[in-house]
C-alpha atoms as a PDB file:
ATOM      1  CA  MET A   1      -0.043  -0.059  -0.020  1.00  0.00           C
ATOM      2  CA  THR A   2       1.428   3.464  -0.851  1.00  0.00           C
ATOM      3  CA  SER A   3       0.756   7.521  -0.585  1.00  0.00           C
ATOM      4  CA  LEU A   4      -0.365   7.103  -4.340  1.00  0.00           C
ATOM      5  CA  ASN A   5      -3.309   4.668  -3.758  1.00  0.00           C
ATOM      6  CA  TYR A   6      -4.387   6.912  -1.025  1.00  0.00           C
ATOM      7  CA  TYR A   7      -3.788   9.963  -2.954  1.00  0.00           C
ATOM      8  CA  TYR A   8      -5.909   8.832  -6.146  1.00  0.00           C
ATOM      9  CA  TYR A   9      -8.884   7.319  -4.140  1.00  0.00           C
ATOM     10  CA  ILE A  10      -9.178  10.950  -2.360  1.00  0.00           C
ATOM     11  CA  GLU A  11      -8.988  12.787  -5.913  1.00  0.00           C
ATOM     12  CA  VAL A  12     -11.997  10.151  -7.249  1.00  0.00           C
ATOM     13  CA  CYS A  13     -13.835  11.013  -4.423  1.00  0.00           C
ATOM     14  CA  LYS A  14     -13.694  14.552  -5.252  1.00  0.00           C
ATOM     15  CA  ASP A  15     -15.165  14.098  -8.852  1.00  0.00           C
ATOM     16  CA  MET A  16     -16.552  10.640  -8.289  1.00  0.00           C
ATOM     17  CA  ASN A  17     -16.137   9.956 -11.965  1.00  0.00           C
ATOM     18  CA  PHE A  18     -12.994   7.990 -12.869  1.00  0.00           C
ATOM     19  CA  THR A  19     -12.948   9.752 -16.547  1.00  0.00           C
ATOM     20  CA  VAL A  20     -13.318  13.392 -14.901  1.00  0.00           C
ATOM     21  CA  THR A  21     -10.389  12.290 -12.491  1.00  0.00           C
ATOM     22  CA  ALA A  22      -8.026  10.943 -14.904  1.00  0.00           C
ATOM     23  CA  ARG A  23      -8.213  13.570 -17.141  1.00  0.00           C
ATOM     24  CA  ARG A  24      -7.716  16.223 -14.434  1.00  0.00           C
ATOM     25  CA  LEU A  25      -4.621  14.790 -13.306  1.00  0.00           C
ATOM     26  CA  TYR A  26      -3.231  13.234 -16.746  1.00  0.00           C
ATOM     27  CA  VAL A  27      -3.141   9.471 -16.253  1.00  0.00           C
ATOM     28  CA  SER A  28      -5.009   6.896 -17.683  1.00  0.00           C
ATOM     29  CA  GLN A  29      -8.407   5.953 -16.737  1.00  0.00           C
ATOM     30  CA  GLN A  30      -6.521   2.114 -16.216  1.00  0.00           C
ATOM     31  CA  SER A  31      -4.255   3.903 -13.667  1.00  0.00           C
ATOM     32  CA  ILE A  32      -6.951   5.256 -11.588  1.00  0.00           C
ATOM     33  CA  SER A  33      -8.939   1.747 -11.399  1.00  0.00           C
ATOM     34  CA  ARG A  34      -5.505   0.020 -10.322  1.00  0.00           C
ATOM     35  CA  HIS A  35      -5.011   2.362  -7.353  1.00  0.00           C
ATOM     36  CA  ILE A  36      -8.671   1.808  -6.280  1.00  0.00           C
ATOM     37  CA  GLU A  37      -8.340  -2.153  -7.071  1.00  0.00           C
ATOM     38  CA  ALA A  38      -5.390  -1.957  -4.637  1.00  0.00           C
ATOM     39  CA  LEU A  39      -7.254  -0.131  -1.780  1.00  0.00           C
ATOM     40  CA  GLU A  40     -10.038  -2.814  -2.138  1.00  0.00           C
ATOM     41  CA  ASN A  41      -7.818  -6.011  -1.966  1.00  0.00           C
ATOM     42  CA  TYR A  42      -5.735  -4.519   0.671  1.00  0.00           C
ATOM     43  CA  TYR A  43      -8.941  -3.636   2.761  1.00  0.00           C
ATOM     44  CA  GLN A  44     -10.739  -6.390   1.567  1.00  0.00           C
ATOM     45  CA  THR A  45     -14.183  -4.201   0.532  1.00  0.00           C
ATOM     46  CA  ARG A  46     -16.031  -2.386  -1.680  1.00  0.00           C
ATOM     47  CA  LEU A  47     -15.301   1.356  -1.805  1.00  0.00           C
ATOM     48  CA  PHE A  48     -17.404   2.249  -4.565  1.00  0.00           C
ATOM     49  CA  ILE A  49     -21.358   1.287  -5.645  1.00  0.00           C
ATOM     50  CA  ARG A  50     -20.438   1.438  -9.482  1.00  0.00           C
ATOM     51  CA  LYS A  51     -24.440   1.575 -10.552  1.00  0.00           C
ATOM     52  CA  PRO A  52     -26.192   3.612 -11.509  1.00  0.00           C
ATOM     53  CA  ARG A  53     -23.832   6.432 -10.820  1.00  0.00           C
ATOM     54  CA  LEU A  54     -20.561   5.988  -8.799  1.00  0.00           C
ATOM     55  CA  ALA A  55     -21.337   6.733  -4.980  1.00  0.00           C
ATOM     56  CA  LEU A  56     -19.164   5.719  -1.974  1.00  0.00           C
ATOM     57  CA  THR A  57     -19.771   2.454  -0.279  1.00  0.00           C
ATOM     58  CA  GLU A  58     -20.289   2.747   4.263  1.00  0.00           C
ATOM     59  CA  SER A  59     -16.868   0.956   3.729  1.00  0.00           C
ATOM     60  CA  GLY A  60     -15.848   3.499   1.442  1.00  0.00           C
ATOM     61  CA  ARG A  61     -16.825   6.652   3.437  1.00  0.00           C
ATOM     62  CA  GLU A  62     -14.423   5.173   6.581  1.00  0.00           C
ATOM     63  CA  VAL A  63     -11.315   4.426   4.180  1.00  0.00           C
ATOM     64  CA  LEU A  64     -11.567   8.124   2.833  1.00  0.00           C
ATOM     65  CA  LYS A  65     -11.711   9.539   6.293  1.00  0.00           C
ATOM     66  CA  THR A  66      -8.799   7.366   7.108  1.00  0.00           C
ATOM     67  CA  ALA A  67      -6.808   8.008   3.848  1.00  0.00           C
ATOM     68  CA  GLN A  68      -7.179  11.447   4.176  1.00  0.00           C
ATOM     69  CA  LEU A  69      -5.370  11.198   7.408  1.00  0.00           C
ATOM     70  CA  ILE A  70      -2.700   9.089   6.011  1.00  0.00           C
ATOM     71  CA  PHE A  71      -1.882  10.862   3.214  1.00  0.00           C
ATOM     72  CA  ASP A  72      -2.071  14.254   4.951  1.00  0.00           C
ATOM     73  CA  ALA A  73       0.619  13.090   7.729  1.00  0.00           C
ATOM     74  CA  GLU A  74       2.948  11.802   4.733  1.00  0.00           C
ATOM     75  CA  ARG A  75       2.734  14.930   3.051  1.00  0.00           C
ATOM     76  CA  GLN A  76       3.580  16.948   6.687  1.00  0.00           C
ATOM     77  CA  LEU A  77       6.436  14.577   6.939  1.00  0.00           C
ATOM     78  CA  LYS A  78       7.971  14.709   3.691  1.00  0.00           C
ATOM     79  CA  GLN A  79       7.652  18.633   4.042  1.00  0.00           C
ATOM     80  CA  THR A  80       9.512  18.367   7.474  1.00  0.00           C
ATOM     81  CA  LEU A  81      12.069  16.200   5.744  1.00  0.00           C
ATOM     82  CA  ALA A  82      12.579  18.394   3.101  1.00  0.00           C
ATOM     83  CA  GLN A  83      12.830  21.499   4.940  1.00  0.00           C
ATOM     84  CA  MET A  84      15.719  19.198   7.118  1.00  0.00           C
ATOM     85  CA  SER A  85      17.944  18.451   4.450  1.00  0.00           C
ATOM     86  CA  ASP A  86      17.619  21.974   2.461  1.00  0.00           C
ATOM     87  CA  GLN A  87      15.950  20.943  -0.306  1.00  0.00           C
ATOM     88  CA  SER A  88      14.185  24.588  -0.681  1.00  0.00           C
ATOM     89  CA  ALA A  89      17.498  25.546  -2.334  1.00  0.00           C
ATOM     90  CA  GLU A  90      16.791  23.254  -5.207  1.00  0.00           C
ATOM     91  CA  THR A  91      15.330  24.978  -8.463  1.00  0.00           C
ATOM     92  CA  ILE A  92      14.700  22.899 -11.922  1.00  0.00           C
ATOM     93  CA  VAL A  93      14.965  25.036 -15.477  1.00  0.00           C
ATOM     94  CA  VAL A  94      12.748  23.422 -18.041  1.00  0.00           C
ATOM     95  CA  ALA A  95      13.046  24.729 -21.653  1.00  0.00           C
ATOM     96  CA  SER A  96       9.828  24.447 -23.393  1.00  0.00           C
ATOM     97  CA  THR A  97       7.021  26.357 -25.449  1.00  0.00           C
ATOM     98  CA  ALA A  98       4.480  28.047 -23.261  1.00  0.00           C
ATOM     99  CA  LYS A  99       2.019  26.035 -24.810  1.00  0.00           C
ATOM    100  CA  ARG A 100       2.849  22.577 -24.440  1.00  0.00           C
ATOM    101  CA  ALA A 101       4.174  23.600 -20.587  1.00  0.00           C
ATOM    102  CA  SER A 102       0.384  24.622 -20.190  1.00  0.00           C
ATOM    103  CA  ILE A 103      -0.415  21.018 -20.718  1.00  0.00           C
ATOM    104  CA  PHE A 104       2.247  18.841 -19.353  1.00  0.00           C
ATOM    105  CA  LEU A 105       3.571  20.848 -16.344  1.00  0.00           C
ATOM    106  CA  PRO A 106       0.639  21.523 -14.327  1.00  0.00           C
ATOM    107  CA  ALA A 107      -0.060  17.551 -13.472  1.00  0.00           C
ATOM    108  CA  VAL A 108       4.191  17.255 -12.931  1.00  0.00           C
ATOM    109  CA  MET A 109       4.565  20.032 -10.516  1.00  0.00           C
ATOM    110  CA  ASP A 110       1.694  18.687  -8.678  1.00  0.00           C
ATOM    111  CA  LYS A 111       3.077  15.523  -8.289  1.00  0.00           C
ATOM    112  CA  ILE A 112       6.743  16.755  -7.667  1.00  0.00           C
ATOM    113  CA  TRP A 113       5.448  18.849  -5.074  1.00  0.00           C
ATOM    114  CA  ALA A 114       3.949  16.341  -3.031  1.00  0.00           C
ATOM    115  CA  ASP A 115       7.272  14.904  -2.425  1.00  0.00           C
ATOM    116  CA  TYR A 116       9.396  18.068  -2.944  1.00  0.00           C
ATOM    117  CA  PRO A 117       7.240  20.664  -1.287  1.00  0.00           C
ATOM    118  CA  ASN A 118       9.856  23.370  -1.199  1.00  0.00           C
ATOM    119  CA  LEU A 119      11.186  22.979  -4.936  1.00  0.00           C
ATOM    120  CA  SER A 120      11.090  25.781  -7.421  1.00  0.00           C
ATOM    121  CA  ILE A 121      10.210  25.144 -10.975  1.00  0.00           C
ATOM    122  CA  SER A 122      11.139  27.924 -13.562  1.00  0.00           C
ATOM    123  CA  ARG A 123      10.062  27.473 -17.166  1.00  0.00           C
ATOM    124  CA  VAL A 124      12.227  29.329 -20.068  1.00  0.00           C
ATOM    125  CA  ALA A 125      11.400  29.429 -23.803  1.00  0.00           C
ATOM    126  CA  SER A 126      12.120  26.635 -25.698  1.00  0.00           C
ATOM    127  CA  ARG A 127      14.060  27.817 -29.182  1.00  0.00           C
ATOM    128  CA  SER A 128      15.902  25.947 -32.076  1.00  0.00           C
ATOM    129  CA  GLN A 129      18.925  27.746 -30.840  1.00  0.00           C
ATOM    130  CA  LEU A 130      18.962  25.965 -27.561  1.00  0.00           C
ATOM    131  CA  THR A 131      21.971  24.119 -27.717  1.00  0.00           C
ATOM    132  CA  VAL A 132      23.686  20.925 -26.109  1.00  0.00           C
ATOM    133  CA  GLU A 133      25.971  23.624 -24.300  1.00  0.00           C
ATOM    134  CA  ASP A 134      22.903  25.147 -22.245  1.00  0.00           C
ATOM    135  CA  LEU A 135      21.838  21.629 -20.894  1.00  0.00           C
ATOM    136  CA  LEU A 136      25.735  20.864 -20.395  1.00  0.00           C
ATOM    137  CA  SER A 137      26.663  23.766 -18.319  1.00  0.00           C
ATOM    138  CA  GLY A 138      23.492  23.652 -16.209  1.00  0.00           C
ATOM    139  CA  LYS A 139      21.696  26.618 -17.804  1.00  0.00           C
ATOM    140  CA  VAL A 140      18.743  24.565 -18.549  1.00  0.00           C
ATOM    141  CA  ASP A 141      17.918  21.240 -16.721  1.00  0.00           C
ATOM    142  CA  PHE A 142      15.472  19.105 -19.171  1.00  0.00           C
ATOM    143  CA  HIS A 143      14.316  20.558 -22.759  1.00  0.00           C
ATOM    144  CA  ILE A 144      10.610  19.102 -23.661  1.00  0.00           C
ATOM    145  CA  GLY A 145       9.948  19.396 -27.147  1.00  0.00           C
ATOM    146  CA  TYR A 146      10.771  18.398 -30.394  1.00  0.00           C
ATOM    147  CA  ARG A 147      13.479  15.540 -30.811  1.00  0.00           C
ATOM    148  CA  ASN A 148      14.944  17.503 -34.062  1.00  0.00           C
ATOM    149  CA  ASN A 149      15.574  20.482 -32.226  1.00  0.00           C
ATOM    150  CA  MET A 150      18.249  18.994 -30.271  1.00  0.00           C
ATOM    151  CA  SER A 151      21.086  16.456 -30.997  1.00  0.00           C
ATOM    152  CA  SER A 152      22.918  13.796 -28.573  1.00  0.00           C
ATOM    153  CA  SER A 153      26.287  14.332 -27.304  1.00  0.00           C
ATOM    154  CA  ASN A 154      28.670  12.350 -24.505  1.00  0.00           C
ATOM    155  CA  GLY A 155      27.193  14.273 -21.468  1.00  0.00           C
ATOM    156  CA  LEU A 156      23.525  14.708 -22.949  1.00  0.00           C
ATOM    157  CA  ASP A 157      20.973  12.092 -22.908  1.00  0.00           C
ATOM    158  CA  ILE A 158      17.427  11.773 -24.995  1.00  0.00           C
ATOM    159  CA  HIS A 159      14.514   9.781 -24.049  1.00  0.00           C
ATOM    160  CA  ASP A 160      11.717  10.010 -26.309  1.00  0.00           C
ATOM    161  CA  LEU A 161       7.870  10.684 -24.686  1.00  0.00           C
ATOM    162  CA  MET A 162       5.596  10.307 -27.644  1.00  0.00           C
ATOM    163  CA  GLN A 163       4.288  10.624 -31.364  1.00  0.00           C
ATOM    164  CA  ASP A 164       2.146  13.646 -31.533  1.00  0.00           C
ATOM    165  CA  PRO A 165       0.209  13.089 -34.592  1.00  0.00           C
ATOM    166  CA  VAL A 166      -0.786  16.563 -36.515  1.00  0.00           C
ATOM    167  CA  VAL A 167      -3.890  17.817 -37.166  1.00  0.00           C
ATOM    168  CA  PHE A 168      -5.336  20.159 -40.067  1.00  0.00           C
ATOM    169  CA  ALA A 169      -8.559  22.099 -38.770  1.00  0.00           C
ATOM    170  CA  ILE A 170     -10.427  24.255 -41.622  1.00  0.00           C
ATOM    171  CA  SER A 171     -13.692  26.368 -40.915  1.00  0.00           C
ATOM    172  CA  ARG A 172     -16.820  24.171 -42.052  1.00  0.00           C
ATOM    173  CA  SER A 173     -18.120  27.385 -44.141  1.00  0.00           C
ATOM    174  CA  LEU A 174     -14.858  27.850 -45.885  1.00  0.00           C
ATOM    175  CA  PHE A 175     -14.185  23.632 -46.801  1.00  0.00           C
ATOM    176  CA  HIS A 176     -18.055  24.072 -48.495  1.00  0.00           C
ATOM    177  CA  LYS A 177     -17.034  26.776 -50.493  1.00  0.00           C
ATOM    178  CA  THR A 178     -13.657  25.616 -51.801  1.00  0.00           C
ATOM    179  CA  PHE A 179     -14.806  21.682 -52.212  1.00  0.00           C
ATOM    180  CA  GLY A 180     -18.785  21.658 -52.192  1.00  0.00           C
ATOM    181  CA  GLU A 181     -20.281  18.316 -50.439  1.00  0.00           C
ATOM    182  CA  ALA A 182     -16.901  16.941 -50.755  1.00  0.00           C
ATOM    183  CA  ALA A 183     -17.790  13.751 -49.241  1.00  0.00           C
ATOM    184  CA  GLU A 184     -14.715  11.420 -50.376  1.00  0.00           C
ATOM    185  CA  ILE A 185     -12.563  14.194 -48.640  1.00  0.00           C
ATOM    186  CA  LEU A 186     -14.579  13.824 -45.582  1.00  0.00           C
ATOM    187  CA  SER A 187     -14.713  10.442 -45.391  1.00  0.00           C
ATOM    188  CA  ARG A 188     -10.710  10.690 -45.008  1.00  0.00           C
ATOM    189  CA  SER A 189     -10.561  12.520 -42.350  1.00  0.00           C
ATOM    190  CA  GLU A 190      -9.281   9.762 -39.619  1.00  0.00           C
ATOM    191  CA  SER A 191      -6.823   7.527 -42.366  1.00  0.00           C
ATOM    192  CA  GLY A 192      -5.417  11.197 -43.806  1.00  0.00           C
ATOM    193  CA  VAL A 193      -5.867  13.486 -46.482  1.00  0.00           C
ATOM    194  CA  ASP A 194      -3.058  14.856 -48.139  1.00  0.00           C
ATOM    195  CA  LEU A 195      -1.898  18.343 -47.835  1.00  0.00           C
ATOM    196  CA  ALA A 196      -1.683  18.703 -51.680  1.00  0.00           C
ATOM    197  CA  VAL A 197      -5.510  18.726 -51.387  1.00  0.00           C
ATOM    198  CA  PHE A 198      -5.883  22.424 -49.137  1.00  0.00           C
ATOM    199  CA  ARG A 199      -2.977  24.172 -51.459  1.00  0.00           C
ATOM    200  CA  ASN A 200      -4.998  26.570 -52.642  1.00  0.00           C
ATOM    201  CA  ILE A 201      -6.495  27.356 -49.075  1.00  0.00           C
ATOM    202  CA  PRO A 202      -4.295  29.871 -47.083  1.00  0.00           C
ATOM    203  CA  PHE A 203      -2.148  28.550 -44.177  1.00  0.00           C
ATOM    204  CA  LEU A 204      -2.357  30.848 -41.227  1.00  0.00           C
ATOM    205  CA  ALA A 205       0.897  30.729 -39.842  1.00  0.00           C
ATOM    206  CA  ASN A 206       1.534  31.645 -35.641  1.00  0.00           C
ATOM    207  CA  THR A 207       5.228  32.735 -36.539  1.00  0.00           C
ATOM    208  CA  GLN A 208       7.254  32.954 -39.786  1.00  0.00           C
ATOM    209  CA  LEU A 209       8.264  29.970 -40.190  1.00  0.00           C
ATOM    210  CA  SER A 210      11.992  31.521 -38.872  1.00  0.00           C
ATOM    211  CA  GLU A 211      14.671  29.030 -37.765  1.00  0.00           C
ATOM    212  CA  THR A 212      14.397  30.919 -34.213  1.00  0.00           C
ATOM    213  CA  SER A 213      10.779  29.080 -33.399  1.00  0.00           C
ATOM    214  CA  GLU A 214      10.130  26.021 -32.056  1.00  0.00           C
ATOM    215  CA  SER A 215       6.326  26.255 -32.935  1.00  0.00           C
ATOM    216  CA  TYR A 216       7.363  24.158 -35.878  1.00  0.00           C
ATOM    217  CA  TYR A 217       8.931  20.839 -36.132  1.00  0.00           C
ATOM    218  CA  PRO A 218      11.676  21.273 -39.063  1.00  0.00           C
ATOM    219  CA  TYR A 219      10.330  18.395 -41.059  1.00  0.00           C
ATOM    220  CA  ILE A 220       6.608  19.962 -40.744  1.00  0.00           C
ATOM    221  CA  GLN A 221       8.095  23.931 -42.051  1.00  0.00           C
ATOM    222  CA  ASP A 222       9.380  22.591 -45.401  1.00  0.00           C
ATOM    223  CA  VAL A 223       5.999  20.371 -45.837  1.00  0.00           C
ATOM    224  CA  ILE A 224       3.681  23.525 -45.039  1.00  0.00           C
ATOM    225  CA  ARG A 225       6.278  25.484 -47.352  1.00  0.00           C
ATOM    226  CA  SER A 226       5.885  23.350 -50.111  1.00  0.00           C
ATOM    227  CA  CYS A 227       2.065  22.584 -49.996  1.00  0.00           C
ATOM    228  CA  PHE A 228       0.758  25.866 -49.697  1.00  0.00           C
ATOM    229  CA  SER A 229       0.933  28.283 -51.972  1.00  0.00           C
ATOM    230  CA  ARG A 230      -0.103  31.247 -49.670  1.00  0.00           C
ATOM    231  CA  ILE A 231       0.864  31.357 -46.472  1.00  0.00           C
ATOM    232  CA  ARG A 232      -0.763  34.828 -43.916  1.00  0.00           C
ATOM    233  CA  ALA A 233       1.766  34.661 -41.215  1.00  0.00           C
ATOM    234  CA  THR A 234       0.895  36.628 -37.871  1.00  0.00           C
ATOM    235  CA  SER A 235       2.677  36.673 -34.490  1.00  0.00           C
ATOM    236  CA  ILE A 236      -0.394  35.643 -32.773  1.00  0.00           C
ATOM    237  CA  SER A 237       0.603  32.577 -30.791  1.00  0.00           C
ATOM    238  CA  SER A 238      -2.475  32.082 -28.965  1.00  0.00           C
ATOM    239  CA  LEU A 239      -4.640  28.924 -30.155  1.00  0.00           C
ATOM    240  CA  ASP A 240      -7.897  30.443 -29.209  1.00  0.00           C
ATOM    241  CA  THR A 241      -6.909  33.688 -31.445  1.00  0.00           C
ATOM    242  CA  MET A 242      -5.779  31.481 -34.347  1.00  0.00           C
ATOM    243  CA  LEU A 243      -8.855  29.343 -33.979  1.00  0.00           C
ATOM    244  CA  ASP A 244     -11.162  32.451 -33.950  1.00  0.00           C
ATOM    245  CA  MET A 245      -9.301  33.480 -37.142  1.00  0.00           C
ATOM    246  CA  CYS A 246      -9.766  30.013 -38.575  1.00  0.00           C
ATOM    247  CA  ALA A 247     -13.672  30.022 -38.023  1.00  0.00           C
ATOM    248  CA  ARG A 248     -13.769  33.191 -39.741  1.00  0.00           C
ATOM    249  CA  GLU A 249     -12.219  31.723 -42.862  1.00  0.00           C
ATOM    250  CA  SER A 250      -8.845  33.291 -42.395  1.00  0.00           C
ATOM    251  CA  GLY A 251      -7.413  30.152 -43.743  1.00  0.00           C
ATOM    252  CA  ILE A 252      -6.419  26.625 -42.320  1.00  0.00           C
ATOM    253  CA  ILE A 253      -4.206  25.933 -39.470  1.00  0.00           C
ATOM    254  CA  TYR A 254      -1.955  22.800 -37.903  1.00  0.00           C
ATOM    255  CA  LEU A 255      -2.240  21.626 -34.182  1.00  0.00           C
ATOM    256  CA  SER A 256      -0.993  18.642 -32.632  1.00  0.00           C
ATOM    257  CA  LYS A 257      -3.136  16.176 -31.160  1.00  0.00           C
ATOM    258  CA  MET A 258      -2.028  16.569 -27.667  1.00  0.00           C
ATOM    259  CA  SER A 259      -3.098  20.752 -28.244  1.00  0.00           C
ATOM    260  CA  LEU A 260      -6.439  19.116 -29.630  1.00  0.00           C
ATOM    261  CA  TYR A 261      -7.324  17.470 -26.936  1.00  0.00           C
ATOM    262  CA  ASP A 262      -6.504  20.082 -24.289  1.00  0.00           C
ATOM    263  CA  TYR A 263      -8.472  22.614 -26.316  1.00  0.00           C
ATOM    264  CA  LEU A 264     -11.611  19.953 -26.818  1.00  0.00           C
ATOM    265  CA  THR A 265     -11.525  19.394 -22.888  1.00  0.00           C
ATOM    266  CA  ARG A 266     -11.756  23.194 -22.569  1.00  0.00           C
ATOM    267  CA  ASN A 267     -14.036  24.371 -25.000  1.00  0.00           C
ATOM    268  CA  PRO A 268     -15.683  21.200 -26.359  1.00  0.00           C
ATOM    269  CA  SER A 269     -18.793  23.383 -28.342  1.00  0.00           C
ATOM    270  CA  PHE A 270     -16.584  25.910 -30.170  1.00  0.00           C
ATOM    271  CA  THR A 271     -14.170  23.261 -30.987  1.00  0.00           C
ATOM    272  CA  LYS A 272     -16.584  20.844 -32.570  1.00  0.00           C
ATOM    273  CA  LYS A 273     -19.359  23.231 -33.422  1.00  0.00           C
ATOM    274  CA  HIS A 274     -16.920  25.259 -35.773  1.00  0.00           C
ATOM    275  CA  PHE A 275     -14.256  22.769 -37.612  1.00  0.00           C
ATOM    276  CA  TYR A 276     -13.567  19.800 -39.762  1.00  0.00           C
ATOM    277  CA  TYR A 277     -10.550  18.377 -38.711  1.00  0.00           C
ATOM    278  CA  PHE A 278      -8.184  15.724 -40.634  1.00  0.00           C
ATOM    279  CA  ALA A 279      -5.229  13.707 -40.052  1.00  0.00           C
ATOM    280  CA  ALA A 280      -2.018  15.089 -42.229  1.00  0.00           C
ATOM    281  CA  LYS A 281      -0.669  12.948 -44.603  1.00  0.00           C
ATOM    282  CA  TYR A 282       2.434  14.054 -47.210  1.00  0.00           C
ATOM    283  CA  ASN A 283       3.959  11.923 -49.658  1.00  0.00           C
ATOM    284  CA  GLU A 284       1.268   8.846 -48.419  1.00  0.00           C
ATOM    285  CA  LYS A 285       2.766   9.297 -44.996  1.00  0.00           C
ATOM    286  CA  ASN A 286       0.671  10.540 -42.088  1.00  0.00           C
ATOM    287  CA  LEU A 287       2.592  13.830 -40.169  1.00  0.00           C
ATOM    288  CA  ALA A 288       3.571  13.322 -36.472  1.00  0.00           C
ATOM    289  CA  MET A 289       6.281  15.072 -34.444  1.00  0.00           C
ATOM    290  CA  ASN A 290       8.572  13.056 -31.598  1.00  0.00           C
ATOM    291  CA  MET A 291       8.404  14.587 -28.558  1.00  0.00           C
ATOM    292  CA  ALA A 292      11.419  13.942 -26.061  1.00  0.00           C
ATOM    293  CA  VAL A 293      12.940  15.301 -23.329  1.00  0.00           C
ATOM    294  CA  SER A 294      16.753  16.292 -23.201  1.00  0.00           C
ATOM    295  CA  PHE A 295      18.918  16.418 -20.076  1.00  0.00           C
ATOM    296  CA  ARG A 296      22.494  15.889 -19.236  1.00  0.00           C
ATOM    297  CA  LYS A 297      23.262  12.633 -17.630  1.00  0.00           C
ATOM    298  CA  SER A 298      24.908  13.949 -14.657  1.00  0.00           C
ATOM    299  CA  ILE A 299      21.990  15.058 -13.325  1.00  0.00           C
ATOM    300  CA  LEU A 300      20.273  11.881 -12.435  1.00  0.00           C
ATOM    301  CA  HIS A 301      23.205  10.954 -10.250  1.00  0.00           C
ATOM    302  CA  THR A 302      23.585  13.814  -8.399  1.00  0.00           C
ATOM    303  CA  SER A 303      19.569  15.365  -7.750  1.00  0.00           C
ATOM    304  CA  PRO A 304      16.783  12.874  -6.513  1.00  0.00           C
ATOM    305  CA  CYS A 305      14.459  15.510  -7.307  1.00  0.00           C
ATOM    306  CA  HIS A 306      15.807  15.631 -11.365  1.00  0.00           C
ATOM    307  CA  ARG A 307      15.676  11.965 -11.107  1.00  0.00           C
ATOM    308  CA  ARG A 308      11.865  12.200  -9.876  1.00  0.00           C
ATOM    309  CA  PHE A 309      11.020  14.610 -11.888  1.00  0.00           C
ATOM    310  CA  LEU A 310      11.881  13.062 -15.184  1.00  0.00           C
ATOM    311  CA  ASP A 311       9.846  10.228 -13.947  1.00  0.00           C
ATOM    312  CA  ILE A 312       6.798  12.305 -13.369  1.00  0.00           C
ATOM    313  CA  THR A 313       7.321  13.612 -16.784  1.00  0.00           C
ATOM    314  CA  ILE A 314       7.507  10.519 -18.667  1.00  0.00           C
ATOM    315  CA  ASP A 315       4.319   8.865 -16.861  1.00  0.00           C
ATOM    316  CA  VAL A 316       2.515  12.183 -17.493  1.00  0.00           C
ATOM    317  CA  PHE A 317       3.313  12.165 -21.125  1.00  0.00           C
ATOM    318  CA  LYS A 318       2.442   8.573 -21.425  1.00  0.00           C
ATOM    319  CA  ALA A 319      -1.024  10.025 -20.039  1.00  0.00           C
ATOM    320  CA  ILE A 320      -1.477  12.559 -22.877  1.00  0.00           C
ATOM    321  CA  ASP A 321      -0.639   9.765 -25.634  1.00  0.00           C
ATOM    322  CA  ALA A 322      -3.552   7.729 -23.938  1.00  0.00           C
ATOM    323  CA  ASN A 323      -5.420  10.885 -24.075  1.00  0.00           C
ATOM    324  CA  ASN A 324      -4.448  11.068 -27.813  1.00  0.00           C
ATOM    325  CA  HIS A 325      -5.520   7.900 -28.567  1.00  0.00           C
ATOM    326  CA  GLN A 326      -9.085   8.749 -27.664  1.00  0.00           C
ATOM    327  CA  ILE A 327      -9.409  11.494 -30.187  1.00  0.00           C
ATOM    328  CA  CYS A 328     -11.232  10.331 -33.592  1.00  0.00           C
ATOM    329  CA  PHE A 329     -12.343  11.825 -36.862  1.00  0.00           C
ATOM    330  CA  ASP A 330     -15.733  10.619 -38.479  1.00  0.00           C
ATOM    331  CA  ASN A 331     -16.479  12.494 -41.681  1.00  0.00           C
ATOM    332  CA  GLY A 332     -13.974  15.805 -40.602  1.00  0.00           C
ATOM    333  CA  ASN A 333     -16.177  15.571 -37.106  1.00  0.00           C
ATOM    334  CA  VAL A 334     -13.950  15.526 -33.773  1.00  0.00           C
ATOM    335  CA  THR A 335     -14.858  13.284 -31.058  1.00  0.00           C
ATOM    336  CA  LEU A 336     -13.560  11.160 -27.929  1.00  0.00           C
ATOM    337  CA  LEU A 337     -14.191   7.810 -27.842  1.00  0.00           C
ATOM    338  CA  ASN A 338     -15.083   7.599 -24.325  1.00  0.00           C
ATOM    339  CA  GLU A 339     -18.002  10.205 -25.394  1.00  0.00           C
ATOM    340  CA  THR A 340     -19.610   7.444 -27.592  1.00  0.00           C
ATOM    341  CA  GLY A 341     -19.524   4.522 -24.669  1.00  0.00           C
ATOM    342  CA  ILE A 342     -16.606   3.297 -26.086  1.00  0.00           C
ATOM    343  CA  THR A 343     -13.378   2.130 -23.768  1.00  0.00           C
END
């Protein structure tokens, strides 16, 4: 029995919904279920009534009281020990884009602060100029972004996190103005549509597609330049604003599935109502970006909190990858599999 079992049980009791809790904590629903099952096996009792809706059993209410006491006591103990070992002086510097960090970093911080409550985490902008020397010198502890933007060296380690598929969004009205009904194109939204189909539609770029930005995977930059005859560039980086411009028929936009899932859970009505979505293809291959975390090898042997940060980050991205697989496209419409009753 571990504190994590109690932690996830307490969190599920707040929502009374396994799916909602899993999304909020960026873990898989199966992981939540395993922690609950571990508690039920340990105490030899059922904690929840599953139907008609999730509710605590009488035993579950008693276990919740004890779980809160145990979890609070262990957290207080960790805080005391952290202060005694002066972990308050520890700082982790993470290089990542603001949008990407907004998706994964809150879940990482929530979990690492349970072990290192006085740890300071700082984010710096992720740029293609970010060099191996920045990591080896200690200016940056972790770079979390596209693998192509970071090369390996003798003192540097790179751990692959996930493949993040590329999705293109276009307003429904602009699509039909350009293609009519085009049922055949819409029918390929899940399997993928070659970007050449959209050549005559302007592409909305939230940068100048320059070498100084990590908003675009280098290979994706080349694909966009070769496939779109018109590129409308703007310095606006907000996905909300880009989607609003897309809805106004200004052009087609690119986003990763990771970003789409995040936006879909925050703004489901707007996201579904105004757009068609297509898995992107180029030269008969589906486009995806290799997400990785880069760090200097020595840091894992000298700092336990950095080792813990890496382990948590890997787990969080596993959950993000699982969320990506919940997204499906049907004739251009986007939905989450668990919304259709598929688990």
